[in-house]
Amino acid sequence: MKNNGWINCANELPEPFSTDLEYRNATNKHLIYFTEDGDHWAVGLGWYLYDDKSDCEGCLIPYWESDENPGEEVEVIYWQQLPPPPAC
């Protein structure tokens, strides 16, 4: 369910992409409502990624990462697609 543009992660997720830093940019960054410790929530920017993290069947497991702490997984419950940047 969408609420003022916020999308509940339980209902819909963006397409994950490779964790390589060279592929991260404004076109695949999202506005996220996240926590790092389970108690304190914040709004920030981040990516929905996949890498070498896999399940017992060898399938890649996507995860969220904040752009404030690259390399650290965060828990996200809502996200929004960012609008395209302005044309110069």
PDB file of N, CA and C in Angstrom:
ATOM      1  N   MET A   1       0.836  -1.180   0.000  1.00  0.00           N
ATOM      2  CA  MET A   1       0.000   0.000   0.000  1.00  0.00           C
ATOM      3  C   MET A   1       0.884   1.248   0.000  1.00  0.00           C
ATOM      4  N   LYS A   2       0.568   2.201  -0.840  1.00  0.00           N
ATOM      5  CA  LYS A   2       1.349   3.427  -0.935  1.00  0.00           C
ATOM      6  C   LYS A   2       0.727   4.498  -0.048  1.00  0.00           C
ATOM      7  N   ASN A   3       1.556   5.265   0.641  1.00  0.00           N
ATOM      8  CA  ASN A   3       1.118   6.278   1.571  1.00  0.00           C
ATOM      9  C   ASN A   3       2.003   7.500   1.375  1.00  0.00           C
ATOM     10  N   ASN A   4       1.472   8.533   0.696  1.00  0.00           N
ATOM     11  CA  ASN A   4       2.263   9.731   0.387  1.00  0.00           C
ATOM     12  C   ASN A   4       3.540   9.373  -0.366  1.00  0.00           C
ATOM     13  N   GLY A   5       3.465   8.383  -1.219  1.00  0.00           N
ATOM     14  CA  GLY A   5       4.626   7.983  -1.994  1.00  0.00           C
ATOM     15  C   GLY A   5       5.467   6.901  -1.339  1.00  0.00           C
ATOM     16  N   TRP A   6       5.252   6.647  -0.042  1.00  0.00           N
ATOM     17  CA  TRP A   6       6.006   5.603   0.654  1.00  0.00           C
ATOM     18  C   TRP A   6       5.429   4.241   0.306  1.00  0.00           C
ATOM     19  N   ILE A   7       6.305   3.291   0.013  1.00  0.00           N
ATOM     20  CA  ILE A   7       5.898   1.937  -0.351  1.00  0.00           C
ATOM     21  C   ILE A   7       6.341   0.990   0.765  1.00  0.00           C
ATOM     22  N   ASN A   8       5.418   0.208   1.274  1.00  0.00           N
ATOM     23  CA  ASN A   8       5.716  -0.744   2.332  1.00  0.00           C
ATOM     24  C   ASN A   8       6.531  -1.900   1.748  1.00  0.00           C
ATOM     25  N   CYS A   9       7.654  -2.207   2.358  1.00  0.00           N
ATOM     26  CA  CYS A   9       8.521  -3.286   1.864  1.00  0.00           C
ATOM     27  C   CYS A   9       7.834  -4.651   1.914  1.00  0.00           C
ATOM     28  N   ALA A  10       6.850  -4.798   2.782  1.00  0.00           N
ATOM     29  CA  ALA A  10       6.114  -6.061   2.848  1.00  0.00           C
ATOM     30  C   ALA A  10       5.267  -6.274   1.596  1.00  0.00           C
ATOM     31  N   ASN A  11       4.968  -5.181   0.886  1.00  0.00           N
ATOM     32  CA  ASN A  11       4.106  -5.269  -0.290  1.00  0.00           C
ATOM     33  C   ASN A  11       4.844  -5.185  -1.621  1.00  0.00           C
ATOM     34  N   GLU A  12       5.957  -4.459  -1.639  1.00  0.00           N
ATOM     35  CA  GLU A  12       6.670  -4.243  -2.909  1.00  0.00           C
ATOM     36  C   GLU A  12       8.115  -3.836  -2.631  1.00  0.00           C
ATOM     37  N   LEU A  13       9.016  -4.355  -3.440  1.00  0.00           N
ATOM     38  CA  LEU A  13      10.434  -4.005  -3.333  1.00  0.00           C
ATOM     39  C   LEU A  13      10.957  -3.599  -4.702  1.00  0.00           C
ATOM     40  N   PRO A  14      11.962  -2.720  -4.733  1.00  0.00           N
ATOM     41  CA  PRO A  14      12.565  -2.388  -6.024  1.00  0.00           C
ATOM     42  C   PRO A  14      13.402  -3.562  -6.524  1.00  0.00           C
ATOM     43  N   GLU A  15      13.819  -3.494  -7.754  1.00  0.00           N
ATOM     44  CA  GLU A  15      14.700  -4.520  -8.319  1.00  0.00           C
ATOM     45  C   GLU A  15      16.095  -4.357  -7.705  1.00  0.00           C
ATOM     46  N   PRO A  16      16.657  -5.414  -7.099  1.00  0.00           N
ATOM     47  CA  PRO A  16      18.006  -5.295  -6.539  1.00  0.00           C
ATOM     48  C   PRO A  16      19.050  -5.245  -7.648  1.00  0.00           C
ATOM     49  N   PHE A  17      20.227  -4.709  -7.324  1.00  0.00           N
ATOM     50  CA  PHE A  17      21.304  -4.687  -8.302  1.00  0.00           C
ATOM     51  C   PHE A  17      22.626  -4.962  -7.607  1.00  0.00           C
ATOM     52  N   SER A  18      23.673  -5.145  -8.373  1.00  0.00           N
ATOM     53  CA  SER A  18      24.996  -5.488  -7.866  1.00  0.00           C
ATOM     54  C   SER A  18      25.507  -4.459  -6.868  1.00  0.00           C
ATOM     55  N   THR A  19      26.242  -4.938  -5.884  1.00  0.00           N
ATOM     56  CA  THR A  19      26.757  -4.055  -4.845  1.00  0.00           C
ATOM     57  C   THR A  19      27.972  -3.241  -5.289  1.00  0.00           C
ATOM     58  N   ASP A  20      28.521  -3.514  -6.456  1.00  0.00           N
ATOM     59  CA  ASP A  20      29.708  -2.793  -6.898  1.00  0.00           C
ATOM     60  C   ASP A  20      29.474  -1.289  -6.854  1.00  0.00           C
ATOM     61  N   LEU A  21      30.402  -0.562  -6.224  1.00  0.00           N
ATOM     62  CA  LEU A  21      30.257   0.889  -6.071  1.00  0.00           C
ATOM     63  C   LEU A  21      30.119   1.608  -7.402  1.00  0.00           C
ATOM     64  N   GLU A  22      30.730   1.067  -8.450  1.00  0.00           N
ATOM     65  CA  GLU A  22      30.679   1.735  -9.749  1.00  0.00           C
ATOM     66  C   GLU A  22      29.265   1.778 -10.329  1.00  0.00           C
ATOM     67  N   TYR A  23      28.384   0.892  -9.869  1.00  0.00           N
ATOM     68  CA  TYR A  23      27.014   0.862 -10.377  1.00  0.00           C
ATOM     69  C   TYR A  23      26.044   1.699  -9.556  1.00  0.00           C
ATOM     70  N   ARG A  24      26.481   2.212  -8.422  1.00  0.00           N
ATOM     71  CA  ARG A  24      25.599   2.999  -7.558  1.00  0.00           C
ATOM     72  C   ARG A  24      25.538   4.441  -8.033  1.00  0.00           C
ATOM     73  N   ASN A  25      24.318   4.942  -8.225  1.00  0.00           N
ATOM     74  CA  ASN A  25      24.154   6.328  -8.645  1.00  0.00           C
ATOM     75  C   ASN A  25      22.757   6.808  -8.272  1.00  0.00           C
ATOM     76  N   ALA A  26      22.413   8.017  -8.648  1.00  0.00           N
ATOM     77  CA  ALA A  26      21.122   8.610  -8.292  1.00  0.00           C
ATOM     78  C   ALA A  26      19.953   7.891  -8.952  1.00  0.00           C
ATOM     79  N   THR A  27      20.185   7.194 -10.064  1.00  0.00           N
ATOM     80  CA  THR A  27      19.069   6.533 -10.742  1.00  0.00           C
ATOM     81  C   THR A  27      18.626   5.258 -10.030  1.00  0.00           C
ATOM     82  N   ASN A  28      19.486   4.674  -9.189  1.00  0.00           N
ATOM     83  CA  ASN A  28      19.083   3.462  -8.478  1.00  0.00           C
ATOM     84  C   ASN A  28      19.114   3.638  -6.959  1.00  0.00           C
ATOM     85  N   LYS A  29      19.208   4.878  -6.509  1.00  0.00           N
ATOM     86  CA  LYS A  29      19.153   5.184  -5.087  1.00  0.00           C
ATOM     87  C   LYS A  29      17.697   5.442  -4.710  1.00  0.00           C
ATOM     88  N   HIS A  30      17.340   5.129  -3.465  1.00  0.00           N
ATOM     89  CA  HIS A  30      15.965   5.293  -2.988  1.00  0.00           C
ATOM     90  C   HIS A  30      15.947   6.084  -1.690  1.00  0.00           C
ATOM     91  N   LEU A  31      14.823   6.730  -1.436  1.00  0.00           N
ATOM     92  CA  LEU A  31      14.568   7.339  -0.147  1.00  0.00           C
ATOM     93  C   LEU A  31      14.083   6.209   0.751  1.00  0.00           C
ATOM     94  N   ILE A  32      14.699   6.039   1.931  1.00  0.00           N
ATOM     95  CA  ILE A  32      14.357   4.911   2.785  1.00  0.00           C
ATOM     96  C   ILE A  32      14.043   5.360   4.211  1.00  0.00           C
ATOM     97  N   TYR A  33      13.147   4.620   4.869  1.00  0.00           N
ATOM     98  CA  TYR A  33      12.855   4.779   6.282  1.00  0.00           C
ATOM     99  C   TYR A  33      13.473   3.554   6.929  1.00  0.00           C
ATOM    100  N   PHE A  34      14.554   3.746   7.699  1.00  0.00           N
ATOM    101  CA  PHE A  34      15.365   2.620   8.121  1.00  0.00           C
ATOM    102  C   PHE A  34      15.823   2.718   9.573  1.00  0.00           C
ATOM    103  N   THR A  35      16.356   1.598  10.076  1.00  0.00           N
ATOM    104  CA  THR A  35      16.985   1.533  11.389  1.00  0.00           C
ATOM    105  C   THR A  35      18.245   0.689  11.276  1.00  0.00           C
ATOM    106  N   GLU A  36      19.227   1.036  12.085  1.00  0.00           N
ATOM    107  CA  GLU A  36      20.446   0.234  12.157  1.00  0.00           C
ATOM    108  C   GLU A  36      20.458  -0.624  13.418  1.00  0.00           C
ATOM    109  N   ASP A  37      19.702  -0.210  14.438  1.00  0.00           N
ATOM    110  CA  ASP A  37      19.732  -0.918  15.714  1.00  0.00           C
ATOM    111  C   ASP A  37      18.382  -1.478  16.155  1.00  0.00           C
ATOM    112  N   GLY A  38      17.318  -1.254  15.351  1.00  0.00           N
ATOM    113  CA  GLY A  38      16.007  -1.759  15.703  1.00  0.00           C
ATOM    114  C   GLY A  38      15.198  -0.849  16.611  1.00  0.00           C
ATOM    115  N   ASP A  39      15.818   0.192  17.152  1.00  0.00           N
ATOM    116  CA  ASP A  39      15.128   1.106  18.065  1.00  0.00           C
ATOM    117  C   ASP A  39      14.953   2.506  17.497  1.00  0.00           C
ATOM    118  N   HIS A  40      15.949   3.005  16.824  1.00  0.00           N
ATOM    119  CA  HIS A  40      15.937   4.374  16.313  1.00  0.00           C
ATOM    120  C   HIS A  40      15.761   4.360  14.797  1.00  0.00           C
ATOM    121  N   TRP A  41      14.716   5.064  14.330  1.00  0.00           N
ATOM    122  CA  TRP A  41      14.381   5.077  12.911  1.00  0.00           C
ATOM    123  C   TRP A  41      14.738   6.419  12.295  1.00  0.00           C
ATOM    124  N   ALA A  42      15.110   6.417  11.027  1.00  0.00           N
ATOM    125  CA  ALA A  42      15.509   7.637  10.337  1.00  0.00           C
ATOM    126  C   ALA A  42      15.108   7.563   8.865  1.00  0.00           C
ATOM    127  N   VAL A  43      15.065   8.727   8.245  1.00  0.00           N
ATOM    128  CA  VAL A  43      14.859   8.816   6.801  1.00  0.00           C
ATOM    129  C   VAL A  43      16.203   9.138   6.187  1.00  0.00           C
ATOM    130  N   GLY A  44      16.551   8.430   5.128  1.00  0.00           N
ATOM    131  CA  GLY A  44      17.823   8.665   4.464  1.00  0.00           C
ATOM    132  C   GLY A  44      17.780   8.130   3.044  1.00  0.00           C
ATOM    133  N   LEU A  45      18.950   7.987   2.466  1.00  0.00           N
ATOM    134  CA  LEU A  45      19.082   7.462   1.106  1.00  0.00           C
ATOM    135  C   LEU A  45      19.802   6.129   1.155  1.00  0.00           C
ATOM    136  N   GLY A  46      19.437   5.242   0.246  1.00  0.00           N
ATOM    137  CA  GLY A  46      20.103   3.953   0.222  1.00  0.00           C
ATOM    138  C   GLY A  46      19.792   3.161  -1.028  1.00  0.00           C
ATOM    139  N   TRP A  47      20.329   1.945  -1.067  1.00  0.00           N
ATOM    140  CA  TRP A  47      20.189   1.060  -2.218  1.00  0.00           C
ATOM    141  C   TRP A  47      19.673  -0.303  -1.782  1.00  0.00           C
ATOM    142  N   TYR A  48      18.972  -0.965  -2.703  1.00  0.00           N
ATOM    143  CA  TYR A  48      18.550  -2.350  -2.513  1.00  0.00           C
ATOM    144  C   TYR A  48      19.501  -3.191  -3.351  1.00  0.00           C
ATOM    145  N   LEU A  49      20.340  -3.993  -2.695  1.00  0.00           N
ATOM    146  CA  LEU A  49      21.485  -4.634  -3.342  1.00  0.00           C
ATOM    147  C   LEU A  49      21.454  -6.150  -3.234  1.00  0.00           C
ATOM    148  N   TYR A  50      22.305  -6.786  -4.024  1.00  0.00           N
ATOM    149  CA  TYR A  50      22.619  -8.191  -3.825  1.00  0.00           C
ATOM    150  C   TYR A  50      24.107  -8.369  -4.055  1.00  0.00           C
ATOM    151  N   ASP A  51      24.663  -9.380  -3.385  1.00  0.00           N
ATOM    152  CA  ASP A  51      26.095  -9.646  -3.514  1.00  0.00           C
ATOM    153  C   ASP A  51      26.308 -11.136  -3.308  1.00  0.00           C
ATOM    154  N   ASP A  52      27.278 -11.501  -2.470  1.00  0.00           N
ATOM    155  CA  ASP A  52      27.579 -12.908  -2.264  1.00  0.00           C
ATOM    156  C   ASP A  52      26.799 -13.501  -1.092  1.00  0.00           C
ATOM    157  N   LYS A  53      25.851 -12.783  -0.554  1.00  0.00           N
ATOM    158  CA  LYS A  53      24.999 -13.280   0.522  1.00  0.00           C
ATOM    159  C   LYS A  53      23.945 -14.196  -0.111  1.00  0.00           C
ATOM    160  N   SER A  54      23.910 -15.473   0.317  1.00  0.00           N
ATOM    161  CA  SER A  54      22.979 -16.402  -0.318  1.00  0.00           C
ATOM    162  C   SER A  54      22.274 -17.279   0.715  1.00  0.00           C
ATOM    163  N   ASP A  55      21.154 -17.868   0.284  1.00  0.00           N
ATOM    164  CA  ASP A  55      20.400 -18.766   1.158  1.00  0.00           C
ATOM    165  C   ASP A  55      20.940 -20.193   1.035  1.00  0.00           C
ATOM    166  N   CYS A  56      20.269 -21.140   1.694  1.00  0.00           N
ATOM    167  CA  CYS A  56      20.752 -22.519   1.702  1.00  0.00           C
ATOM    168  C   CYS A  56      20.710 -23.185   0.332  1.00  0.00           C
ATOM    169  N   GLU A  57      19.956 -22.613  -0.604  1.00  0.00           N
ATOM    170  CA  GLU A  57      19.881 -23.163  -1.959  1.00  0.00           C
ATOM    171  C   GLU A  57      20.833 -22.458  -2.922  1.00  0.00           C
ATOM    172  N   GLY A  58      21.617 -21.510  -2.402  1.00  0.00           N
ATOM    173  CA  GLY A  58      22.574 -20.792  -3.229  1.00  0.00           C
ATOM    174  C   GLY A  58      22.011 -19.589  -3.955  1.00  0.00           C
ATOM    175  N   CYS A  59      20.756 -19.230  -3.672  1.00  0.00           N
ATOM    176  CA  CYS A  59      20.141 -18.062  -4.302  1.00  0.00           C
ATOM    177  C   CYS A  59      20.590 -16.797  -3.585  1.00  0.00           C
ATOM    178  N   LEU A  60      20.888 -15.759  -4.357  1.00  0.00           N
ATOM    179  CA  LEU A  60      21.312 -14.497  -3.763  1.00  0.00           C
ATOM    180  C   LEU A  60      20.190 -13.874  -2.950  1.00  0.00           C
ATOM    181  N   ILE A  61      20.545 -13.296  -1.804  1.00  0.00           N
ATOM    182  CA  ILE A  61      19.578 -12.651  -0.920  1.00  0.00           C
ATOM    183  C   ILE A  61      19.788 -11.146  -0.999  1.00  0.00           C
ATOM    184  N   PRO A  62      18.803 -10.403  -1.515  1.00  0.00           N
ATOM    185  CA  PRO A  62      18.939  -8.941  -1.561  1.00  0.00           C
ATOM    186  C   PRO A  62      18.856  -8.334  -0.160  1.00  0.00           C
ATOM    187  N   TYR A  63      19.441  -7.161   0.005  1.00  0.00           N
ATOM    188  CA  TYR A  63      19.413  -6.457   1.280  1.00  0.00           C
ATOM    189  C   TYR A  63      19.520  -4.963   1.041  1.00  0.00           C
ATOM    190  N   TRP A  64      19.179  -4.170   2.061  1.00  0.00           N
ATOM    191  CA  TRP A  64      19.247  -2.711   1.995  1.00  0.00           C
ATOM    192  C   TRP A  64      20.546  -2.223   2.616  1.00  0.00           C
ATOM    193  N   GLU A  65      21.071  -1.157   2.054  1.00  0.00           N
ATOM    194  CA  GLU A  65      22.267  -0.513   2.588  1.00  0.00           C
ATOM    195  C   GLU A  65      22.079   1.000   2.515  1.00  0.00           C
ATOM    196  N   SER A  66      22.379   1.687   3.605  1.00  0.00           N
ATOM    197  CA  SER A  66      22.281   3.145   3.652  1.00  0.00           C
ATOM    198  C   SER A  66      23.516   3.768   3.015  1.00  0.00           C
ATOM    199  N   ASP A  67      23.346   4.913   2.367  1.00  0.00           N
ATOM    200  CA  ASP A  67      24.528   5.566   1.795  1.00  0.00           C
ATOM    201  C   ASP A  67      25.361   6.254   2.868  1.00  0.00           C
ATOM    202  N   GLU A  68      24.843   6.343   4.105  1.00  0.00           N
ATOM    203  CA  GLU A  68      25.613   6.940   5.207  1.00  0.00           C
ATOM    204  C   GLU A  68      26.685   5.996   5.720  1.00  0.00           C
ATOM    205  N   ASN A  69      26.427   4.685   5.661  1.00  0.00           N
ATOM    206  CA  ASN A  69      27.367   3.675   6.144  1.00  0.00           C
ATOM    207  C   ASN A  69      27.500   2.556   5.126  1.00  0.00           C
ATOM    208  N   PRO A  70      28.166   2.824   4.001  1.00  0.00           N
ATOM    209  CA  PRO A  70      28.315   1.783   2.985  1.00  0.00           C
ATOM    210  C   PRO A  70      28.938   0.513   3.566  1.00  0.00           C
ATOM    211  N   GLY A  71      28.406  -0.606   3.161  1.00  0.00           N
ATOM    212  CA  GLY A  71      28.899  -1.886   3.646  1.00  0.00           C
ATOM    213  C   GLY A  71      28.123  -2.434   4.827  1.00  0.00           C
ATOM    214  N   GLU A  72      27.254  -1.608   5.430  1.00  0.00           N
ATOM    215  CA  GLU A  72      26.464  -2.060   6.569  1.00  0.00           C
ATOM    216  C   GLU A  72      25.004  -2.210   6.175  1.00  0.00           C
ATOM    217  N   GLU A  73      24.459  -3.387   6.433  1.00  0.00           N
ATOM    218  CA  GLU A  73      23.056  -3.656   6.121  1.00  0.00           C
ATOM    219  C   GLU A  73      22.153  -2.927   7.114  1.00  0.00           C
ATOM    220  N   VAL A  74      21.037  -2.393   6.623  1.00  0.00           N
ATOM    221  CA  VAL A  74      20.047  -1.738   7.479  1.00  0.00           C
ATOM    222  C   VAL A  74      18.682  -2.363   7.255  1.00  0.00           C
ATOM    223  N   GLU A  75      17.808  -2.244   8.250  1.00  0.00           N
ATOM    224  CA  GLU A  75      16.434  -2.713   8.136  1.00  0.00           C
ATOM    225  C   GLU A  75      15.578  -1.580   7.600  1.00  0.00           C
ATOM    226  N   VAL A  76      14.878  -1.818   6.512  1.00  0.00           N
ATOM    227  CA  VAL A  76      14.021  -0.810   5.879  1.00  0.00           C
ATOM    228  C   VAL A  76      12.589  -1.327   5.878  1.00  0.00           C
ATOM    229  N   ILE A  77      11.635  -0.462   6.268  1.00  0.00           N
ATOM    230  CA  ILE A  77      10.230  -0.886   6.217  1.00  0.00           C
ATOM    231  C   ILE A  77       9.436  -0.125   5.159  1.00  0.00           C
ATOM    232  N   TYR A  78       9.919   1.059   4.757  1.00  0.00           N
ATOM    233  CA  TYR A  78       9.281   1.844   3.700  1.00  0.00           C
ATOM    234  C   TYR A  78      10.352   2.422   2.790  1.00  0.00           C
ATOM    235  N   TRP A  79      10.012   2.618   1.522  1.00  0.00           N
ATOM    236  CA  TRP A  79      10.938   3.215   0.570  1.00  0.00           C
ATOM    237  C   TRP A  79      10.152   4.017  -0.458  1.00  0.00           C
ATOM    238  N   GLN A  80      10.877   4.895  -1.168  1.00  0.00           N
ATOM    239  CA  GLN A  80      10.309   5.675  -2.274  1.00  0.00           C
ATOM    240  C   GLN A  80      11.339   5.763  -3.384  1.00  0.00           C
ATOM    241  N   GLN A  81      10.860   5.721  -4.606  1.00  0.00           N
ATOM    242  CA  GLN A  81      11.731   5.973  -5.754  1.00  0.00           C
ATOM    243  C   GLN A  81      12.009   7.474  -5.797  1.00  0.00           C
ATOM    244  N   LEU A  82      13.236   7.857  -6.006  1.00  0.00           N
ATOM    245  CA  LEU A  82      13.563   9.280  -6.148  1.00  0.00           C
ATOM    246  C   LEU A  82      13.157   9.767  -7.533  1.00  0.00           C
ATOM    247  N   PRO A  83      12.741  11.017  -7.632  1.00  0.00           N
ATOM    248  CA  PRO A  83      12.434  11.552  -8.966  1.00  0.00           C
ATOM    249  C   PRO A  83      13.728  11.715  -9.759  1.00  0.00           C
ATOM    250  N   PRO A  84      13.654  11.798 -11.068  1.00  0.00           N
ATOM    251  CA  PRO A  84      14.873  12.001 -11.865  1.00  0.00           C
ATOM    252  C   PRO A  84      15.467  13.368 -11.534  1.00  0.00           C
ATOM    253  N   PRO A  85      16.797  13.503 -11.665  1.00  0.00           N
ATOM    254  CA  PRO A  85      17.424  14.798 -11.405  1.00  0.00           C
ATOM    255  C   PRO A  85      16.978  15.832 -12.441  1.00  0.00           C
ATOM    256  N   PRO A  86      17.061  17.116 -12.107  1.00  0.00           N
ATOM    257  CA  PRO A  86      16.651  18.139 -13.070  1.00  0.00           C
ATOM    258  C   PRO A  86      17.569  18.158 -14.284  1.00  0.00           C
ATOM    259  N   ALA A  87      17.003  18.518 -15.402  1.00  0.00           N
ATOM    260  CA  ALA A  87      17.803  18.664 -16.621  1.00  0.00           C
ATOM    261  C   ALA A  87      18.569  19.987 -16.544  1.00  0.00           C
ATOM    262  N   CYS A  88      19.793  19.970 -16.941  1.00  0.00           N
ATOM    263  CA  CYS A  88      20.611  21.196 -16.891  1.00  0.00           C
ATOM    264  C   CYS A  88      20.434  22.022 -18.148  1.00  0.00           C
TER     265      CYS A  88
END
